[in-house]
C-alpha atoms as a PDB file:
ATOM      1  CA  UNK A   1       0.079   0.037  -0.288  1.00  0.00           C
ATOM      2  CA  UNK A   2       1.362   3.304  -0.677  1.00  0.00           C
ATOM      3  CA  UNK A   3       2.341   5.467   1.899  1.00  0.00           C
ATOM      4  CA  UNK A   4      -0.053   8.421   1.062  1.00  0.00           C
ATOM      5  CA  UNK A   5      -3.109   5.700   0.935  1.00  0.00           C
ATOM      6  CA  UNK A   6      -2.019   4.699   4.250  1.00  0.00           C
ATOM      7  CA  UNK A   7      -1.603   8.206   5.460  1.00  0.00           C
ATOM      8  CA  UNK A   8      -5.261   8.963   4.444  1.00  0.00           C
ATOM      9  CA  UNK A   9      -6.399   5.895   6.010  1.00  0.00           C
ATOM     10  CA  UNK A  10      -4.749   6.277   9.414  1.00  0.00           C
ATOM     11  CA  UNK A  11      -5.306  10.236   9.665  1.00  0.00           C
ATOM     12  CA  UNK A  12      -9.073   9.352   9.220  1.00  0.00           C
ATOM     13  CA  UNK A  13      -9.761  10.799  12.788  1.00  0.00           C
ATOM     14  CA  UNK A  14      -8.286  14.187  11.982  1.00  0.00           C
ATOM     15  CA  UNK A  15      -9.903  14.297   8.110  1.00  0.00           C
ATOM     16  CA  UNK A  16     -13.192  13.248   9.180  1.00  0.00           C
ATOM     17  CA  UNK A  17     -13.307  15.730  11.861  1.00  0.00           C
ATOM     18  CA  UNK A  18     -12.456  18.453   9.389  1.00  0.00           C
ATOM     19  CA  UNK A  19     -14.486  17.351   6.801  1.00  0.00           C
ATOM     20  CA  UNK A  20     -17.653  16.874   9.124  1.00  0.00           C
ATOM     21  CA  UNK A  21     -16.800  20.351  10.700  1.00  0.00           C
ATOM     22  CA  UNK A  22     -16.579  22.196   7.327  1.00  0.00           C
ATOM     23  CA  UNK A  23     -20.048  20.387   6.143  1.00  0.00           C
ATOM     24  CA  UNK A  24     -21.714  21.520   9.594  1.00  0.00           C
ATOM     25  CA  UNK A  25     -19.894  24.831   9.202  1.00  0.00           C
ATOM     26  CA  UNK A  26     -21.170  25.807   5.677  1.00  0.00           C
ATOM     27  CA  UNK A  27     -24.569  23.961   6.321  1.00  0.00           C
ATOM     28  CA  UNK A  28     -24.974  26.354   9.230  1.00  0.00           C
ATOM     29  CA  UNK A  29     -25.680  29.424   6.883  1.00  0.00           C
ATOM     30  CA  UNK A  30     -27.758  32.133   8.846  1.00  0.00           C
ATOM     31  CA  UNK A  31     -28.909  33.832   5.748  1.00  0.00           C
ATOM     32  CA  UNK A  32     -29.034  31.139   3.312  1.00  0.00           C
ATOM     33  CA  UNK A  33     -29.001  32.571  -0.476  1.00  0.00           C
ATOM     34  CA  UNK A  34     -32.656  32.920  -1.581  1.00  0.00           C
ATOM     35  CA  UNK A  35     -33.967  30.665  -4.460  1.00  0.00           C
ATOM     36  CA  UNK A  36     -34.264  32.127  -7.936  1.00  0.00           C
ATOM     37  CA  UNK A  37     -37.724  32.747  -8.756  1.00  0.00           C
ATOM     38  CA  UNK A  38     -39.361  30.294 -11.541  1.00  0.00           C
ATOM     39  CA  UNK A  39     -38.934  31.459 -15.128  1.00  0.00           C
ATOM     40  CA  UNK A  40     -42.223  31.520 -16.800  1.00  0.00           C
ATOM     41  CA  UNK A  41     -40.268  29.238 -19.788  1.00  0.00           C
ATOM     42  CA  UNK A  42     -37.273  27.470 -18.975  1.00  0.00           C
ATOM     43  CA  UNK A  43     -34.438  28.480 -21.202  1.00  0.00           C
ATOM     44  CA  UNK A  44     -32.198  25.970 -23.273  1.00  0.00           C
ATOM     45  CA  UNK A  45     -29.649  25.020 -20.919  1.00  0.00           C
ATOM     46  CA  UNK A  46     -26.126  25.768 -22.278  1.00  0.00           C
ATOM     47  CA  UNK A  47     -22.359  24.511 -21.221  1.00  0.00           C
ATOM     48  CA  UNK A  48     -22.136  24.835 -17.716  1.00  0.00           C
ATOM     49  CA  UNK A  49     -19.153  27.476 -16.940  1.00  0.00           C
ATOM     50  CA  UNK A  50     -17.579  26.414 -13.264  1.00  0.00           C
ATOM     51  CA  UNK A  51     -15.745  29.397 -11.711  1.00  0.00           C
ATOM     52  CA  UNK A  52     -12.069  29.171 -10.621  1.00  0.00           C
ATOM     53  CA  UNK A  53     -12.276  27.025  -7.741  1.00  0.00           C
ATOM     54  CA  UNK A  54     -14.560  24.698  -9.985  1.00  0.00           C
ATOM     55  CA  UNK A  55     -11.774  24.299 -12.396  1.00  0.00           C
ATOM     56  CA  UNK A  56      -9.136  23.918  -9.994  1.00  0.00           C
ATOM     57  CA  UNK A  57     -11.066  21.443  -7.587  1.00  0.00           C
ATOM     58  CA  UNK A  58     -13.927  20.112  -9.334  1.00  0.00           C
ATOM     59  CA  UNK A  59     -17.395  22.000  -9.764  1.00  0.00           C
ATOM     60  CA  UNK A  60     -19.531  21.055  -6.903  1.00  0.00           C
ATOM     61  CA  UNK A  61     -23.140  19.897  -7.364  1.00  0.00           C
ATOM     62  CA  UNK A  62     -25.411  22.187  -8.190  1.00  0.00           C
ATOM     63  CA  UNK A  63     -27.420  21.508  -4.959  1.00  0.00           C
ATOM     64  CA  UNK A  64     -24.372  21.750  -2.808  1.00  0.00           C
ATOM     65  CA  UNK A  65     -24.804  23.567   0.493  1.00  0.00           C
ATOM     66  CA  UNK A  66     -23.031  27.134   0.068  1.00  0.00           C
ATOM     67  CA  UNK A  67     -22.103  29.806   2.791  1.00  0.00           C
ATOM     68  CA  UNK A  68     -21.357  33.492   2.409  1.00  0.00           C
ATOM     69  CA  UNK A  69     -17.751  34.109   3.412  1.00  0.00           C
ATOM     70  CA  UNK A  70     -18.071  36.774   6.000  1.00  0.00           C
ATOM     71  CA  UNK A  71     -16.774  37.807   9.707  1.00  0.00           C
ATOM     72  CA  UNK A  72     -19.274  35.025  11.137  1.00  0.00           C
ATOM     73  CA  UNK A  73     -17.861  32.117   9.130  1.00  0.00           C
ATOM     74  CA  UNK A  74     -14.572  33.158   9.673  1.00  0.00           C
ATOM     75  CA  UNK A  75     -15.146  32.974  13.275  1.00  0.00           C
ATOM     76  CA  UNK A  76     -16.543  29.423  13.048  1.00  0.00           C
ATOM     77  CA  UNK A  77     -13.817  28.286  10.754  1.00  0.00           C
ATOM     78  CA  UNK A  78     -11.197  29.410  13.039  1.00  0.00           C
ATOM     79  CA  UNK A  79     -13.089  27.424  16.016  1.00  0.00           C
ATOM     80  CA  UNK A  80     -13.112  24.664  14.074  1.00  0.00           C
ATOM     81  CA  UNK A  81      -9.172  24.737  13.209  1.00  0.00           C
ATOM     82  CA  UNK A  82      -8.474  25.137  16.987  1.00  0.00           C
ATOM     83  CA  UNK A  83     -10.406  22.015  17.640  1.00  0.00           C
ATOM     84  CA  UNK A  84      -8.433  20.488  15.281  1.00  0.00           C
ATOM     85  CA  UNK A  85      -5.230  21.240  17.254  1.00  0.00           C
ATOM     86  CA  UNK A  86      -4.088  24.051  15.150  1.00  0.00           C
ATOM     87  CA  UNK A  87      -3.812  26.377  17.782  1.00  0.00           C
ATOM     88  CA  UNK A  88      -5.247  29.968  18.426  1.00  0.00           C
ATOM     89  CA  UNK A  89      -2.792  31.845  16.330  1.00  0.00           C
ATOM     90  CA  UNK A  90      -1.921  29.491  13.456  1.00  0.00           C
ATOM     91  CA  UNK A  91      -5.907  29.095  12.998  1.00  0.00           C
ATOM     92  CA  UNK A  92      -6.361  32.616  12.994  1.00  0.00           C
ATOM     93  CA  UNK A  93      -3.497  33.092  10.360  1.00  0.00           C
ATOM     94  CA  UNK A  94      -4.770  30.268   8.404  1.00  0.00           C
ATOM     95  CA  UNK A  95      -8.514  31.517   8.105  1.00  0.00           C
ATOM     96  CA  UNK A  96      -7.378  35.013   7.260  1.00  0.00           C
ATOM     97  CA  UNK A  97      -5.074  33.819   4.351  1.00  0.00           C
ATOM     98  CA  UNK A  98      -8.380  31.867   3.099  1.00  0.00           C
ATOM     99  CA  UNK A  99     -10.393  34.870   3.315  1.00  0.00           C
ATOM    100  CA  UNK A 100      -8.383  37.211   1.686  1.00  0.00           C
ATOM    101  CA  UNK A 101      -9.782  38.450  -1.620  1.00  0.00           C
ATOM    102  CA  UNK A 102     -12.873  36.106  -1.096  1.00  0.00           C
ATOM    103  CA  UNK A 103     -15.041  38.107   1.470  1.00  0.00           C
ATOM    104  CA  UNK A 104     -18.390  38.131   0.059  1.00  0.00           C
ATOM    105  CA  UNK A 105     -18.062  34.588  -1.925  1.00  0.00           C
ATOM    106  CA  UNK A 106     -20.456  32.175  -1.192  1.00  0.00           C
ATOM    107  CA  UNK A 107     -18.264  28.811  -1.061  1.00  0.00           C
ATOM    108  CA  UNK A 108     -19.501  25.130  -0.965  1.00  0.00           C
ATOM    109  CA  UNK A 109     -17.798  22.419   1.698  1.00  0.00           C
ATOM    110  CA  UNK A 110     -15.663  21.002  -1.139  1.00  0.00           C
ATOM    111  CA  UNK A 111     -14.150  24.611  -1.766  1.00  0.00           C
ATOM    112  CA  UNK A 112     -13.338  25.375   1.795  1.00  0.00           C
ATOM    113  CA  UNK A 113     -11.478  22.018   2.268  1.00  0.00           C
ATOM    114  CA  UNK A 114      -9.646  22.843  -1.078  1.00  0.00           C
ATOM    115  CA  UNK A 115      -8.731  26.171   0.214  1.00  0.00           C
ATOM    116  CA  UNK A 116      -7.738  24.868   3.460  1.00  0.00           C
ATOM    117  CA  UNK A 117      -5.667  22.023   1.933  1.00  0.00           C
ATOM    118  CA  UNK A 118      -3.685  24.587  -0.302  1.00  0.00           C
ATOM    119  CA  UNK A 119      -3.223  26.892   3.091  1.00  0.00           C
ATOM    120  CA  UNK A 120      -1.856  23.826   4.849  1.00  0.00           C
ATOM    121  CA  UNK A 121       0.348  22.625   2.090  1.00  0.00           C
ATOM    122  CA  UNK A 122       1.730  26.364   1.500  1.00  0.00           C
ATOM    123  CA  UNK A 123       2.768  26.450   5.346  1.00  0.00           C
ATOM    124  CA  UNK A 124       4.238  22.844   5.610  1.00  0.00           C
ATOM    125  CA  UNK A 125       6.234  23.383   2.132  1.00  0.00           C
ATOM    126  CA  UNK A 126       8.866  25.505   3.834  1.00  0.00           C
ATOM    127  CA  UNK A 127       9.838  22.619   6.552  1.00  0.00           C
ATOM    128  CA  UNK A 128       9.612  19.359   4.594  1.00  0.00           C
ATOM    129  CA  UNK A 129      13.469  18.573   4.080  1.00  0.00           C
ATOM    130  CA  UNK A 130      14.799  15.550   4.152  1.00  0.00           C
ATOM    131  CA  UNK A 131      17.199  14.369   6.962  1.00  0.00           C
ATOM    132  CA  UNK A 132      20.787  15.831   5.471  1.00  0.00           C
ATOM    133  CA  UNK A 133      23.650  13.314   4.830  1.00  0.00           C
ATOM    134  CA  UNK A 134      26.943  14.657   5.237  1.00  0.00           C
ATOM    135  CA  UNK A 135      30.411  13.269   3.761  1.00  0.00           C
ATOM    136  CA  UNK A 136      31.471  13.374   7.182  1.00  0.00           C
ATOM    137  CA  UNK A 137      31.938   9.846   8.619  1.00  0.00           C
ATOM    138  CA  UNK A 138      30.467   8.966  10.912  1.00  0.00           C
ATOM    139  CA  UNK A 139      27.440  11.130  10.665  1.00  0.00           C
ATOM    140  CA  UNK A 140      26.408  11.606  14.576  1.00  0.00           C
ATOM    141  CA  UNK A 141      22.590  11.930  14.988  1.00  0.00           C
ATOM    142  CA  UNK A 142      21.332  12.760  18.468  1.00  0.00           C
ATOM    143  CA  UNK A 143      17.661  11.408  18.919  1.00  0.00           C
ATOM    144  CA  UNK A 144      16.154  13.354  21.789  1.00  0.00           C
ATOM    145  CA  UNK A 145      12.438  13.139  23.290  1.00  0.00           C
ATOM    146  CA  UNK A 146      10.100  12.586  26.256  1.00  0.00           C
ATOM    147  CA  UNK A 147       9.408   8.679  27.037  1.00  0.00           C
ATOM    148  CA  UNK A 148       6.987   7.081  24.987  1.00  0.00           C
ATOM    149  CA  UNK A 149       7.150   9.491  22.145  1.00  0.00           C
ATOM    150  CA  UNK A 150       8.305   6.616  19.960  1.00  0.00           C
ATOM    151  CA  UNK A 151      11.770   7.690  19.821  1.00  0.00           C
ATOM    152  CA  UNK A 152      13.321   4.544  20.369  1.00  0.00           C
ATOM    153  CA  UNK A 153      11.066   2.772  17.659  1.00  0.00           C
ATOM    154  CA  UNK A 154      11.853   5.642  15.503  1.00  0.00           C
ATOM    155  CA  UNK A 155      15.723   4.965  15.677  1.00  0.00           C
ATOM    156  CA  UNK A 156      15.348   1.371  15.091  1.00  0.00           C
ATOM    157  CA  UNK A 157      13.270   2.202  12.023  1.00  0.00           C
ATOM    158  CA  UNK A 158      15.731   4.852  10.871  1.00  0.00           C
ATOM    159  CA  UNK A 159      18.600   2.543  10.906  1.00  0.00           C
ATOM    160  CA  UNK A 160      16.702  -0.102   9.196  1.00  0.00           C
ATOM    161  CA  UNK A 161      16.023   2.376   6.362  1.00  0.00           C
ATOM    162  CA  UNK A 162      19.175   3.602   6.134  1.00  0.00           C
ATOM    163  CA  UNK A 163      20.944  -0.438   6.058  1.00  0.00           C
ATOM    164  CA  UNK A 164      18.511  -0.807   3.477  1.00  0.00           C
ATOM    165  CA  UNK A 165      19.560   1.862   1.482  1.00  0.00           C
ATOM    166  CA  UNK A 166      23.263   0.691   1.664  1.00  0.00           C
ATOM    167  CA  UNK A 167      24.616   2.792   4.662  1.00  0.00           C
ATOM    168  CA  UNK A 168      26.391   1.131   7.406  1.00  0.00           C
ATOM    169  CA  UNK A 169      24.878   1.964  10.850  1.00  0.00           C
ATOM    170  CA  UNK A 170      25.792   1.973  14.465  1.00  0.00           C
ATOM    171  CA  UNK A 171      23.117   2.426  17.215  1.00  0.00           C
ATOM    172  CA  UNK A 172      24.308   3.462  20.935  1.00  0.00           C
ATOM    173  CA  UNK A 173      21.488   2.553  23.411  1.00  0.00           C
ATOM    174  CA  UNK A 174      22.158   5.650  25.346  1.00  0.00           C
ATOM    175  CA  UNK A 175      18.783   5.714  27.331  1.00  0.00           C
ATOM    176  CA  UNK A 176      20.708   3.624  30.234  1.00  0.00           C
ATOM    177  CA  UNK A 177      18.211   4.135  32.772  1.00  0.00           C
ATOM    178  CA  UNK A 178      15.236   2.229  30.762  1.00  0.00           C
ATOM    179  CA  UNK A 179      16.053  -1.627  30.093  1.00  0.00           C
ATOM    180  CA  UNK A 180      12.850  -1.849  27.687  1.00  0.00           C
ATOM    181  CA  UNK A 181      14.264   1.118  25.490  1.00  0.00           C
ATOM    182  CA  UNK A 182      17.702  -0.884  25.520  1.00  0.00           C
ATOM    183  CA  UNK A 183      15.604  -4.168  24.827  1.00  0.00           C
ATOM    184  CA  UNK A 184      13.563  -2.773  21.953  1.00  0.00           C
ATOM    185  CA  UNK A 185      16.890  -1.203  20.143  1.00  0.00           C
ATOM    186  CA  UNK A 186      18.529  -4.680  20.140  1.00  0.00           C
ATOM    187  CA  UNK A 187      15.529  -6.426  18.636  1.00  0.00           C
ATOM    188  CA  UNK A 188      15.622  -3.954  15.987  1.00  0.00           C
ATOM    189  CA  UNK A 189      19.288  -3.812  15.267  1.00  0.00           C
ATOM    190  CA  UNK A 190      19.025  -7.851  15.165  1.00  0.00           C
ATOM    191  CA  UNK A 191      15.956  -7.332  12.468  1.00  0.00           C
ATOM    192  CA  UNK A 192      18.126  -4.519  10.268  1.00  0.00           C
ATOM    193  CA  UNK A 193      21.557  -6.282  11.010  1.00  0.00           C
ATOM    194  CA  UNK A 194      22.869  -2.891  12.736  1.00  0.00           C
ATOM    195  CA  UNK A 195      25.248  -3.477  15.757  1.00  0.00           C
ATOM    196  CA  UNK A 196      23.564  -1.935  18.869  1.00  0.00           C
ATOM    197  CA  UNK A 197      26.013  -0.694  21.665  1.00  0.00           C
ATOM    198  CA  UNK A 198      24.748  -1.168  25.368  1.00  0.00           C
ATOM    199  CA  UNK A 199      25.963  -0.426  28.867  1.00  0.00           C
ATOM    200  CA  UNK A 200      24.678  -1.772  32.274  1.00  0.00           C
ATOM    201  CA  UNK A 201      21.944  -0.074  33.525  1.00  0.00           C
ATOM    202  CA  UNK A 202      22.569   3.154  35.296  1.00  0.00           C
ATOM    203  CA  UNK A 203      25.908   3.771  33.391  1.00  0.00           C
ATOM    204  CA  UNK A 204      27.020   7.475  32.487  1.00  0.00           C
ATOM    205  CA  UNK A 205      25.186   7.675  28.988  1.00  0.00           C
ATOM    206  CA  UNK A 206      28.092   9.967  27.842  1.00  0.00           C
ATOM    207  CA  UNK A 207      30.655   7.419  28.405  1.00  0.00           C
ATOM    208  CA  UNK A 208      28.573   4.988  26.161  1.00  0.00           C
ATOM    209  CA  UNK A 209      28.653   7.814  23.425  1.00  0.00           C
ATOM    210  CA  UNK A 210      32.134   8.265  23.574  1.00  0.00           C
ATOM    211  CA  UNK A 211      32.715   4.317  23.054  1.00  0.00           C
ATOM    212  CA  UNK A 212      29.867   4.109  20.461  1.00  0.00           C
ATOM    213  CA  UNK A 213      31.737   7.138  18.596  1.00  0.00           C
ATOM    214  CA  UNK A 214      34.945   5.337  18.880  1.00  0.00           C
ATOM    215  CA  UNK A 215      33.409   2.024  17.547  1.00  0.00           C
ATOM    216  CA  UNK A 216      31.719   3.901  14.710  1.00  0.00           C
ATOM    217  CA  UNK A 217      35.073   5.308  13.330  1.00  0.00           C
ATOM    218  CA  UNK A 218      37.010   2.364  13.829  1.00  0.00           C
ATOM    219  CA  UNK A 219      33.838   0.484  11.796  1.00  0.00           C
ATOM    220  CA  UNK A 220      34.190   3.113   9.027  1.00  0.00           C
ATOM    221  CA  UNK A 221      30.093   3.335   9.683  1.00  0.00           C
ATOM    222  CA  UNK A 222      28.138   6.232   7.696  1.00  0.00           C
ATOM    223  CA  UNK A 223      25.808   7.092  10.437  1.00  0.00           C
ATOM    224  CA  UNK A 224      25.740   6.727  14.493  1.00  0.00           C
ATOM    225  CA  UNK A 225      22.423   7.226  16.048  1.00  0.00           C
ATOM    226  CA  UNK A 226      22.132   7.833  19.693  1.00  0.00           C
ATOM    227  CA  UNK A 227      19.219   7.278  21.887  1.00  0.00           C
ATOM    228  CA  UNK A 228      18.984   9.318  24.911  1.00  0.00           C
ATOM    229  CA  UNK A 229      16.747   9.664  27.889  1.00  0.00           C
ATOM    230  CA  UNK A 230      13.545  11.915  28.051  1.00  0.00           C
ATOM    231  CA  UNK A 231      12.747  12.520  31.710  1.00  0.00           C
ATOM    232  CA  UNK A 232      11.162  15.736  31.900  1.00  0.00           C
ATOM    233  CA  UNK A 233      10.328  15.546  35.436  1.00  0.00           C
ATOM    234  CA  UNK A 234      14.147  15.817  35.891  1.00  0.00           C
ATOM    235  CA  UNK A 235      14.456  18.642  33.574  1.00  0.00           C
ATOM    236  CA  UNK A 236      17.912  19.865  35.066  1.00  0.00           C
ATOM    237  CA  UNK A 237      19.451  16.839  35.036  1.00  0.00           C
ATOM    238  CA  UNK A 238      18.218  15.747  31.684  1.00  0.00           C
ATOM    239  CA  UNK A 239      19.844  19.195  30.350  1.00  0.00           C
ATOM    240  CA  UNK A 240      22.893  18.689  32.203  1.00  0.00           C
ATOM    241  CA  UNK A 241      23.443  14.769  30.609  1.00  0.00           C
ATOM    242  CA  UNK A 242      22.611  16.006  27.154  1.00  0.00           C
ATOM    243  CA  UNK A 243      25.163  19.026  27.355  1.00  0.00           C
ATOM    244  CA  UNK A 244      27.465  16.408  28.866  1.00  0.00           C
ATOM    245  CA  UNK A 245      26.811  13.824  26.031  1.00  0.00           C
ATOM    246  CA  UNK A 246      27.725  16.688  23.297  1.00  0.00           C
ATOM    247  CA  UNK A 247      30.921  17.408  25.252  1.00  0.00           C
ATOM    248  CA  UNK A 248      32.175  14.263  25.273  1.00  0.00           C
ATOM    249  CA  UNK A 249      31.384  13.562  21.688  1.00  0.00           C
ATOM    250  CA  UNK A 250      33.249  16.641  20.616  1.00  0.00           C
ATOM    251  CA  UNK A 251      36.400  15.440  22.233  1.00  0.00           C
ATOM    252  CA  UNK A 252      36.346  13.072  19.185  1.00  0.00           C
ATOM    253  CA  UNK A 253      34.566  15.118  17.162  1.00  0.00           C
ATOM    254  CA  UNK A 254      34.331  18.817  17.379  1.00  0.00           C
ATOM    255  CA  UNK A 255      31.349  19.054  14.704  1.00  0.00           C
ATOM    256  CA  UNK A 256      29.405  16.453  16.645  1.00  0.00           C
ATOM    257  CA  UNK A 257      26.643  15.949  16.648  1.00  0.00           C
ATOM    258  CA  UNK A 258      25.594  16.587  13.059  1.00  0.00           C
ATOM    259  CA  UNK A 259      21.999  16.117  13.378  1.00  0.00           C
ATOM    260  CA  UNK A 260      19.515  16.230  16.661  1.00  0.00           C
ATOM    261  CA  UNK A 261      16.437  15.370  16.194  1.00  0.00           C
ATOM    262  CA  UNK A 262      13.363  15.688  18.075  1.00  0.00           C
ATOM    263  CA  UNK A 263      10.405  12.959  18.164  1.00  0.00           C
ATOM    264  CA  UNK A 264       7.149  14.190  19.002  1.00  0.00           C
ATOM    265  CA  UNK A 265       4.117  12.043  19.831  1.00  0.00           C
ATOM    266  CA  UNK A 266       1.170  13.500  17.653  1.00  0.00           C
ATOM    267  CA  UNK A 267      -1.286  12.289  20.488  1.00  0.00           C
ATOM    268  CA  UNK A 268      -0.300  14.709  23.006  1.00  0.00           C
ATOM    269  CA  UNK A 269      -1.536  17.740  20.598  1.00  0.00           C
ATOM    270  CA  UNK A 270      -0.473  20.913  21.930  1.00  0.00           C
ATOM    271  CA  UNK A 271       1.711  19.737  24.247  1.00  0.00           C
ATOM    272  CA  UNK A 272       4.026  19.029  21.560  1.00  0.00           C
ATOM    273  CA  UNK A 273       4.746  22.733  21.203  1.00  0.00           C
ATOM    274  CA  UNK A 274       5.804  22.982  24.735  1.00  0.00           C
ATOM    275  CA  UNK A 275       8.288  20.314  24.457  1.00  0.00           C
ATOM    276  CA  UNK A 276       9.877  21.619  21.198  1.00  0.00           C
ATOM    277  CA  UNK A 277       9.948  25.046  23.447  1.00  0.00           C
ATOM    278  CA  UNK A 278      12.023  22.699  26.454  1.00  0.00           C
ATOM    279  CA  UNK A 279      14.295  20.795  23.948  1.00  0.00           C
ATOM    280  CA  UNK A 280      15.257  23.626  22.213  1.00  0.00           C
ATOM    281  CA  UNK A 281      16.773  25.048  25.484  1.00  0.00           C
ATOM    282  CA  UNK A 282      18.665  21.733  26.218  1.00  0.00           C
ATOM    283  CA  UNK A 283      19.767  21.065  22.579  1.00  0.00           C
ATOM    284  CA  UNK A 284      20.483  22.364  19.276  1.00  0.00           C
ATOM    285  CA  UNK A 285      17.525  20.843  17.933  1.00  0.00           C
ATOM    286  CA  UNK A 286      17.982  20.633  13.908  1.00  0.00           C
ATOM    287  CA  UNK A 287      14.785  18.684  12.921  1.00  0.00           C
ATOM    288  CA  UNK A 288      11.338  16.962  13.861  1.00  0.00           C
ATOM    289  CA  UNK A 289      10.169  13.419  13.195  1.00  0.00           C
ATOM    290  CA  UNK A 290       6.356  13.325  14.214  1.00  0.00           C
ATOM    291  CA  UNK A 291       4.801   9.865  15.374  1.00  0.00           C
ATOM    292  CA  UNK A 292       1.539   8.227  16.092  1.00  0.00           C
ATOM    293  CA  UNK A 293      -0.360  10.215  13.725  1.00  0.00           C
ATOM    294  CA  UNK A 294      -2.507   6.949  13.173  1.00  0.00           C
ATOM    295  CA  UNK A 295      -4.076   7.477  16.577  1.00  0.00           C
ATOM    296  CA  UNK A 296      -5.050  10.791  16.901  1.00  0.00           C
ATOM    297  CA  UNK A 297      -7.717  13.296  15.718  1.00  0.00           C
ATOM    298  CA  UNK A 298      -5.094  16.080  16.596  1.00  0.00           C
ATOM    299  CA  UNK A 299      -2.950  15.802  13.129  1.00  0.00           C
ATOM    300  CA  UNK A 300      -3.529  19.750  13.051  1.00  0.00           C
ATOM    301  CA  UNK A 301      -0.547  20.320  15.515  1.00  0.00           C
ATOM    302  CA  UNK A 302       1.999  19.579  12.744  1.00  0.00           C
ATOM    303  CA  UNK A 303       0.702  22.350  11.339  1.00  0.00           C
ATOM    304  CA  UNK A 304       1.082  24.565  14.454  1.00  0.00           C
ATOM    305  CA  UNK A 305       4.694  23.502  14.787  1.00  0.00           C
ATOM    306  CA  UNK A 306       5.637  24.410  11.395  1.00  0.00           C
ATOM    307  CA  UNK A 307       3.871  27.956  11.473  1.00  0.00           C
ATOM    308  CA  UNK A 308       5.434  28.629  14.659  1.00  0.00           C
ATOM    309  CA  UNK A 309       9.136  27.349  15.062  1.00  0.00           C
ATOM    310  CA  UNK A 310      10.031  26.817  10.857  1.00  0.00           C
ATOM    311  CA  UNK A 311      12.193  23.587  12.209  1.00  0.00           C
ATOM    312  CA  UNK A 312      12.467  20.918   9.622  1.00  0.00           C
ATOM    313  CA  UNK A 313      10.139  18.110   9.473  1.00  0.00           C
ATOM    314  CA  UNK A 314      11.953  15.245   8.342  1.00  0.00           C
ATOM    315  CA  UNK A 315       9.491  12.364   8.400  1.00  0.00           C
ATOM    316  CA  UNK A 316       6.246  11.223   9.897  1.00  0.00           C
ATOM    317  CA  UNK A 317       5.108   7.777  11.133  1.00  0.00           C
ATOM    318  CA  UNK A 318       1.475   6.287  11.198  1.00  0.00           C
ATOM    319  CA  UNK A 319       2.094   2.788  12.429  1.00  0.00           C
ATOM    320  CA  UNK A 320       4.392   0.066  13.608  1.00  0.00           C
ATOM    321  CA  UNK A 321       5.951  -1.416  10.693  1.00  0.00           C
ATOM    322  CA  UNK A 322       9.299  -0.102   9.272  1.00  0.00           C
ATOM    323  CA  UNK A 323       7.502   1.483   6.204  1.00  0.00           C
ATOM    324  CA  UNK A 324       5.314   3.550   8.588  1.00  0.00           C
ATOM    325  CA  UNK A 325       8.169   6.008   9.040  1.00  0.00           C
ATOM    326  CA  UNK A 326       8.088   8.170   5.729  1.00  0.00           C
ATOM    327  CA  UNK A 327       9.940  11.345   4.665  1.00  0.00           C
ATOM    328  CA  UNK A 328       7.404  14.123   5.204  1.00  0.00           C
ATOM    329  CA  UNK A 329       5.522  15.375   1.919  1.00  0.00           C
ATOM    330  CA  UNK A 330       3.250  18.666   2.476  1.00  0.00           C
ATOM    331  CA  UNK A 331       0.925  17.972  -0.027  1.00  0.00           C
ATOM    332  CA  UNK A 332       0.378  14.277   0.877  1.00  0.00           C
ATOM    333  CA  UNK A 333      -0.227  15.375   4.395  1.00  0.00           C
ATOM    334  CA  UNK A 334      -2.362  18.234   3.449  1.00  0.00           C
ATOM    335  CA  UNK A 335      -4.822  16.291   1.107  1.00  0.00           C
ATOM    336  CA  UNK A 336      -4.781  13.519   3.815  1.00  0.00           C
ATOM    337  CA  UNK A 337      -5.317  16.176   6.656  1.00  0.00           C
ATOM    338  CA  UNK A 338      -8.339  17.705   5.287  1.00  0.00           C
ATOM    339  CA  UNK A 339     -10.017  14.644   3.404  1.00  0.00           C
ATOM    340  CA  UNK A 340      -9.568  16.241  -0.099  1.00  0.00           C
ATOM    341  CA  UNK A 341      -9.200  14.308  -3.151  1.00  0.00           C
ATOM    342  CA  UNK A 342      -6.349  14.402  -5.760  1.00  0.00           C
END
């Protein structure tokens, strides 16, 4: 199954929420257009001439409900976007951009969804960037995020995908306080044919990271993926732990880490914004990966993240299989989120 089809299927909670909301919004027109008087003699029908939106997105049926785009409709649209987890500021900007040059027009539900999809794609287009691969070997990728965000699984998927693409990979199980995280990485390492370096529980993660970089250099590896702890309740300790990992890595490679990826769980909704704020203060976050989009009606939070922070979004996940993590495509995401056809 193509990833776009899977994305549409698994973003159903978000797309159906927006779809139903848009249809209700249009159908709730407080001042519907009065019906035209019946002509004495029906004229001979000529060829239909759809408007611009009809030509772009397919002309709606003649009996499609419509609503005049006015201040009341804009307020309703903003509320719908906020309920879809775009956040107040992003929802206001999206609604305002949709309204620009269209106030007073009578729009159908499909036209509103098409305009919404176009605006979402425009916002997301600036942040959709693949994980950069540098000539430096090994390229050190530090992966951060709260526990439960899908961080460990994402590392395993990345390692497997890079290995399948012909890259040699080493994984460091740097969350030395959670045995489950280490075991999960070992399962992925076996599946992908990638070595996973571990240390006894409670070992200093910086020491393990140093040993992993030494091993990756000796093996001539292309990439070193380093897992980290995510205990935000001990924020000061975690900040120092991450800072120490970076300091120790730079003793061997002054340019490391070359990427710092923040993994976010889509089901947390607006809490993801706070996590980005927190981890940017702890580490030089270079890009985002969003997981668990298949388990939430809060897909709109990705739009809010792009609008507020502008950080590259490298990939999104919609399941547990290896091919359920794919490069982020803004057009596909916008269509899946809004339930819009090709």
